[in-house]
Amino acid sequence: MVEVYYRVARDHGQATADETLRDLRAALSPDLPGTARMVEAGRIKAVAAIALADCFAIATAAAHGLVLLTGDPEIIDLRDRPCVVEDLRPTVG
């Protein structure tokens, strides 16, 4: 939620970010990481030069058997990901 909040605030202002956060909190239940998820995120970070938040996103998707939706090339290009990734970048053509 932190990443969503700061991106919306930066692009659309704090009021819109507050509204978006309120809507997300109503629609989602938080999934706070336990020790196993923290270790998995650490394992990913140890072998990949990507943001720690991205490591947690990957580890969380893997823990739930979910597809990670992203446009981040660092995640998309990561080898041996423990989860499936769907590339949200626009295609040219």
C-alpha atoms as a PDB file:
ATOM      1  CA  MET A   1       0.000   0.000   0.000  1.00  0.00           C
ATOM      2  CA  VAL A   2       2.922   2.316   0.631  1.00  0.00           C
ATOM      3  CA  GLU A   3       4.056   2.203  -2.965  1.00  0.00           C
ATOM      4  CA  VAL A   4       0.543   2.777  -4.281  1.00  0.00           C
ATOM      5  CA  TYR A   5       0.073   5.688  -1.888  1.00  0.00           C
ATOM      6  CA  TYR A   6       3.267   7.529  -2.742  1.00  0.00           C
ATOM      7  CA  ARG A   7       2.821   7.036  -6.493  1.00  0.00           C
ATOM      8  CA  VAL A   8      -0.760   8.323  -6.438  1.00  0.00           C
ATOM      9  CA  ALA A   9       0.227  11.225  -4.166  1.00  0.00           C
ATOM     10  CA  ARG A  10       3.120  12.158  -6.431  1.00  0.00           C
ATOM     11  CA  ASP A  11       1.071  11.904  -9.633  1.00  0.00           C
ATOM     12  CA  HIS A  12      -2.373  13.083  -8.466  1.00  0.00           C
ATOM     13  CA  GLY A  13      -2.012  14.755  -5.066  1.00  0.00           C
ATOM     14  CA  GLN A  14      -2.419  13.807  -1.435  1.00  0.00           C
ATOM     15  CA  ALA A  15      -6.227  14.023  -1.376  1.00  0.00           C
ATOM     16  CA  THR A  16      -6.497  11.473  -4.188  1.00  0.00           C
ATOM     17  CA  ALA A  17      -3.897   9.272  -2.496  1.00  0.00           C
ATOM     18  CA  ASP A  18      -5.872   9.389   0.769  1.00  0.00           C
ATOM     19  CA  GLU A  19      -9.047   8.419  -1.078  1.00  0.00           C
ATOM     20  CA  THR A  20      -7.286   5.602  -2.925  1.00  0.00           C
ATOM     21  CA  LEU A  21      -5.820   4.274   0.315  1.00  0.00           C
ATOM     22  CA  ARG A  22      -9.232   4.369   1.989  1.00  0.00           C
ATOM     23  CA  ASP A  23     -10.734   2.420  -0.932  1.00  0.00           C
ATOM     24  CA  LEU A  24      -7.917  -0.139  -0.883  1.00  0.00           C
ATOM     25  CA  ARG A  25      -8.192  -0.675   2.859  1.00  0.00           C
ATOM     26  CA  ALA A  26     -11.920  -1.334   2.488  1.00  0.00           C
ATOM     27  CA  ALA A  27     -11.358  -3.826  -0.340  1.00  0.00           C
ATOM     28  CA  LEU A  28      -8.251  -5.657   0.877  1.00  0.00           C
ATOM     29  CA  SER A  29      -7.200  -7.428   4.006  1.00  0.00           C
ATOM     30  CA  PRO A  30      -3.586  -6.795   5.040  1.00  0.00           C
ATOM     31  CA  ASP A  31      -1.204  -9.711   4.737  1.00  0.00           C
ATOM     32  CA  LEU A  32       1.628  -8.868   7.101  1.00  0.00           C
ATOM     33  CA  PRO A  33       4.756 -10.949   6.528  1.00  0.00           C
ATOM     34  CA  GLY A  34       5.843 -13.537   9.035  1.00  0.00           C
ATOM     35  CA  THR A  35       9.357 -14.850   9.481  1.00  0.00           C
ATOM     36  CA  ALA A  36       9.151 -17.274   6.547  1.00  0.00           C
ATOM     37  CA  ARG A  37       8.111 -14.506   4.144  1.00  0.00           C
ATOM     38  CA  MET A  38      10.834 -12.211   5.464  1.00  0.00           C
ATOM     39  CA  VAL A  39      13.433 -14.924   4.902  1.00  0.00           C
ATOM     40  CA  GLU A  40      12.125 -15.567   1.369  1.00  0.00           C
ATOM     41  CA  ALA A  41      12.280 -11.842   0.570  1.00  0.00           C
ATOM     42  CA  GLY A  42      15.833 -11.803   1.955  1.00  0.00           C
ATOM     43  CA  ARG A  43      16.788 -14.762  -0.243  1.00  0.00           C
ATOM     44  CA  ILE A  44      15.483 -12.959  -3.319  1.00  0.00           C
ATOM     45  CA  LYS A  45      17.283  -9.741  -2.348  1.00  0.00           C
ATOM     46  CA  ALA A  46      20.528 -11.652  -1.799  1.00  0.00           C
ATOM     47  CA  VAL A  47      20.631 -12.737  -5.451  1.00  0.00           C
ATOM     48  CA  ALA A  48      18.905  -9.818  -7.179  1.00  0.00           C
ATOM     49  CA  ALA A  49      19.692  -6.129  -7.389  1.00  0.00           C
ATOM     50  CA  ILE A  50      16.054  -5.068  -6.931  1.00  0.00           C
ATOM     51  CA  ALA A  51      14.192  -3.067  -4.319  1.00  0.00           C
ATOM     52  CA  LEU A  52      13.364  -4.819  -1.058  1.00  0.00           C
ATOM     53  CA  ALA A  53       9.676  -3.930  -1.524  1.00  0.00           C
ATOM     54  CA  ASP A  54       9.763  -5.778  -4.855  1.00  0.00           C
ATOM     55  CA  CYS A  55      11.250  -8.796  -3.077  1.00  0.00           C
ATOM     56  CA  PHE A  56       8.320  -8.777  -0.646  1.00  0.00           C
ATOM     57  CA  ALA A  57       5.848  -8.482  -3.537  1.00  0.00           C
ATOM     58  CA  ILE A  58       7.418 -11.501  -5.234  1.00  0.00           C
ATOM     59  CA  ALA A  59       7.544 -13.528  -2.016  1.00  0.00           C
ATOM     60  CA  THR A  60       3.928 -12.664  -1.177  1.00  0.00           C
ATOM     61  CA  ALA A  61       2.665 -13.631  -4.638  1.00  0.00           C
ATOM     62  CA  ALA A  62       4.588 -16.900  -4.386  1.00  0.00           C
ATOM     63  CA  ALA A  63       3.238 -17.638  -0.884  1.00  0.00           C
ATOM     64  CA  HIS A  64      -0.328 -17.336  -2.169  1.00  0.00           C
ATOM     65  CA  GLY A  65       0.202 -18.932  -5.584  1.00  0.00           C
ATOM     66  CA  LEU A  66      -0.781 -15.675  -7.277  1.00  0.00           C
ATOM     67  CA  VAL A  67       0.333 -13.993 -10.477  1.00  0.00           C
ATOM     68  CA  LEU A  68       2.281 -10.788  -9.765  1.00  0.00           C
ATOM     69  CA  LEU A  69       1.072  -7.967 -12.021  1.00  0.00           C
ATOM     70  CA  THR A  70       3.843  -5.475 -12.741  1.00  0.00           C
ATOM     71  CA  GLY A  71       5.426  -3.252 -15.312  1.00  0.00           C
ATOM     72  CA  ASP A  72       8.754  -3.230 -13.455  1.00  0.00           C
ATOM     73  CA  PRO A  73      11.473  -4.569 -15.772  1.00  0.00           C
ATOM     74  CA  GLU A  74      13.643  -5.558 -12.792  1.00  0.00           C
ATOM     75  CA  ILE A  75      10.946  -8.013 -11.674  1.00  0.00           C
ATOM     76  CA  ILE A  76       9.967  -9.101 -15.182  1.00  0.00           C
ATOM     77  CA  ASP A  77      13.590  -9.875 -16.114  1.00  0.00           C
ATOM     78  CA  LEU A  78      14.400 -11.630 -12.818  1.00  0.00           C
ATOM     79  CA  ARG A  79      15.543 -15.210 -13.359  1.00  0.00           C
ATOM     80  CA  ASP A  80      14.213 -18.094 -11.284  1.00  0.00           C
ATOM     81  CA  ARG A  81      11.275 -16.156  -9.839  1.00  0.00           C
ATOM     82  CA  PRO A  82       9.242 -18.160  -7.329  1.00  0.00           C
ATOM     83  CA  CYS A  83       5.998 -16.788  -8.814  1.00  0.00           C
ATOM     84  CA  VAL A  84       4.425 -16.162 -12.188  1.00  0.00           C
ATOM     85  CA  VAL A  85       4.670 -12.555 -13.413  1.00  0.00           C
ATOM     86  CA  GLU A  86       2.377 -10.810 -15.867  1.00  0.00           C
ATOM     87  CA  ASP A  87       4.004  -7.974 -17.775  1.00  0.00           C
ATOM     88  CA  LEU A  88       1.745  -4.898 -17.692  1.00  0.00           C
ATOM     89  CA  ARG A  89       3.969  -2.730 -19.872  1.00  0.00           C
ATOM     90  CA  PRO A  90       2.208  -1.439 -22.971  1.00  0.00           C
ATOM     91  CA  THR A  91       3.141  -3.276 -26.128  1.00  0.00           C
ATOM     92  CA  VAL A  92       4.420  -1.344 -29.112  1.00  0.00           C
ATOM     93  CA  GLY A  93       2.895  -2.134 -32.447  1.00  0.00           C
END
